[in-house]
Amino acid sequence: MTLVAEWEKSSFSGAHDSANCIELAAVGGVVLLRESDAPANVLALTRGTLAGLVRQVKAGSPGGGFEPPVHR
């Protein structure tokens, strides 16, 4: 069975044809994140990990203290 991602653009990304968009999709228990101008580069996160990333960005320290999980 193949799961299909239905991508949605952020309402903060501007017009629908803008190349400067962040897109999200939920597939199974994973949230997928990508940029419209590089759709092949997809970041797969749990909901909790995405929430942590959003908290860090809102705190003004993108990447500062955020440690994405490492899957081996």
C-alpha atoms as a PDB file:
ATOM      1  CA  MET A   1       0.000   0.000   0.000  1.00  0.00           C
ATOM      2  CA  THR A   2       1.330   3.424  -0.967  1.00  0.00           C
ATOM      3  CA  LEU A   3       0.521   6.460   1.163  1.00  0.00           C
ATOM      4  CA  VAL A   4      -0.023   9.694  -0.746  1.00  0.00           C
ATOM      5  CA  ALA A   5       0.959  13.022   0.787  1.00  0.00           C
ATOM      6  CA  GLU A   6      -1.550  15.827   0.313  1.00  0.00           C
ATOM      7  CA  TRP A   7       0.613  18.928   0.622  1.00  0.00           C
ATOM      8  CA  GLU A   8      -0.788  22.160   2.055  1.00  0.00           C
ATOM      9  CA  LYS A   9       0.946  25.533   1.831  1.00  0.00           C
ATOM     10  CA  SER A  10       1.299  27.818   4.811  1.00  0.00           C
ATOM     11  CA  SER A  11      -1.075  30.774   4.795  1.00  0.00           C
ATOM     12  CA  PHE A  12       1.951  32.944   5.719  1.00  0.00           C
ATOM     13  CA  SER A  13       3.801  32.042   2.509  1.00  0.00           C
ATOM     14  CA  GLY A  14       2.101  34.600   0.288  1.00  0.00           C
ATOM     15  CA  ALA A  15       0.253  33.958  -2.961  1.00  0.00           C
ATOM     16  CA  HIS A  16      -0.481  30.392  -4.045  1.00  0.00           C
ATOM     17  CA  ASP A  17       2.002  30.597  -6.931  1.00  0.00           C
ATOM     18  CA  SER A  18       4.836  31.850  -4.744  1.00  0.00           C
ATOM     19  CA  ALA A  19       8.031  29.769  -4.724  1.00  0.00           C
ATOM     20  CA  ASN A  20       8.759  30.898  -1.141  1.00  0.00           C
ATOM     21  CA  CYS A  21       6.361  28.525   0.557  1.00  0.00           C
ATOM     22  CA  ILE A  22       6.568  26.007   3.335  1.00  0.00           C
ATOM     23  CA  GLU A  23       4.349  22.997   2.754  1.00  0.00           C
ATOM     24  CA  LEU A  24       3.145  20.387   5.246  1.00  0.00           C
ATOM     25  CA  ALA A  25       1.574  16.979   4.842  1.00  0.00           C
ATOM     26  CA  ALA A  26       0.545  14.335   7.381  1.00  0.00           C
ATOM     27  CA  VAL A  27       1.162  10.727   6.371  1.00  0.00           C
ATOM     28  CA  GLY A  28       0.556   8.023   8.920  1.00  0.00           C
ATOM     29  CA  GLY A  29       2.008   9.255  12.219  1.00  0.00           C
ATOM     30  CA  VAL A  30       4.570  11.517  10.532  1.00  0.00           C
ATOM     31  CA  VAL A  31       4.444  15.175   9.549  1.00  0.00           C
ATOM     32  CA  LEU A  32       6.314  16.023   6.342  1.00  0.00           C
ATOM     33  CA  LEU A  33       7.787  19.475   5.787  1.00  0.00           C
ATOM     34  CA  ARG A  34       9.264  20.877   2.544  1.00  0.00           C
ATOM     35  CA  GLU A  35       9.955  24.098   0.681  1.00  0.00           C
ATOM     36  CA  SER A  36       8.050  24.699  -2.554  1.00  0.00           C
ATOM     37  CA  ASP A  37      11.213  25.579  -4.454  1.00  0.00           C
ATOM     38  CA  ALA A  38      12.889  22.288  -3.399  1.00  0.00           C
ATOM     39  CA  PRO A  39      10.049  19.739  -3.198  1.00  0.00           C
ATOM     40  CA  ALA A  40      12.368  16.728  -3.337  1.00  0.00           C
ATOM     41  CA  ASN A  41      13.923  17.732   0.008  1.00  0.00           C
ATOM     42  CA  VAL A  42      11.480  16.497   2.634  1.00  0.00           C
ATOM     43  CA  LEU A  43      11.918  16.595   6.399  1.00  0.00           C
ATOM     44  CA  ALA A  44       9.929  13.901   8.238  1.00  0.00           C
ATOM     45  CA  LEU A  45       9.090  14.716  11.855  1.00  0.00           C
ATOM     46  CA  THR A  46       6.872  13.411  14.605  1.00  0.00           C
ATOM     47  CA  ARG A  47       4.216  15.849  15.765  1.00  0.00           C
ATOM     48  CA  GLY A  48       6.124  16.352  19.019  1.00  0.00           C
ATOM     49  CA  THR A  49       9.378  17.108  17.214  1.00  0.00           C
ATOM     50  CA  LEU A  50       7.638  19.590  14.907  1.00  0.00           C
ATOM     51  CA  ALA A  51       6.068  21.265  17.944  1.00  0.00           C
ATOM     52  CA  GLY A  52       9.552  21.590  19.474  1.00  0.00           C
ATOM     53  CA  LEU A  53      10.912  23.143  16.288  1.00  0.00           C
ATOM     54  CA  VAL A  54       8.035  25.643  16.190  1.00  0.00           C
ATOM     55  CA  ARG A  55       8.649  26.561  19.852  1.00  0.00           C
ATOM     56  CA  GLN A  56      12.340  27.215  19.103  1.00  0.00           C
ATOM     57  CA  VAL A  57      11.533  29.370  16.062  1.00  0.00           C
ATOM     58  CA  LYS A  58       8.939  31.368  18.021  1.00  0.00           C
ATOM     59  CA  ALA A  59      11.507  31.879  20.779  1.00  0.00           C
ATOM     60  CA  GLY A  60      13.773  33.536  18.223  1.00  0.00           C
ATOM     61  CA  SER A  61      16.420  30.848  18.163  1.00  0.00           C
ATOM     62  CA  PRO A  62      15.882  28.734  15.047  1.00  0.00           C
ATOM     63  CA  GLY A  63      18.165  25.784  15.367  1.00  0.00           C
ATOM     64  CA  GLY A  64      19.391  27.002  18.760  1.00  0.00           C
ATOM     65  CA  GLY A  65      18.909  23.998  21.002  1.00  0.00           C
ATOM     66  CA  PHE A  66      16.764  22.095  18.512  1.00  0.00           C
ATOM     67  CA  GLU A  67      18.092  18.595  18.033  1.00  0.00           C
ATOM     68  CA  PRO A  68      16.218  16.565  15.401  1.00  0.00           C
ATOM     69  CA  PRO A  69      16.030  12.872  16.211  1.00  0.00           C
ATOM     70  CA  VAL A  70      18.645  10.647  14.630  1.00  0.00           C
ATOM     71  CA  HIS A  71      17.321   7.383  13.199  1.00  0.00           C
ATOM     72  CA  ARG A  72      19.874   4.655  12.681  1.00  0.00           C
END
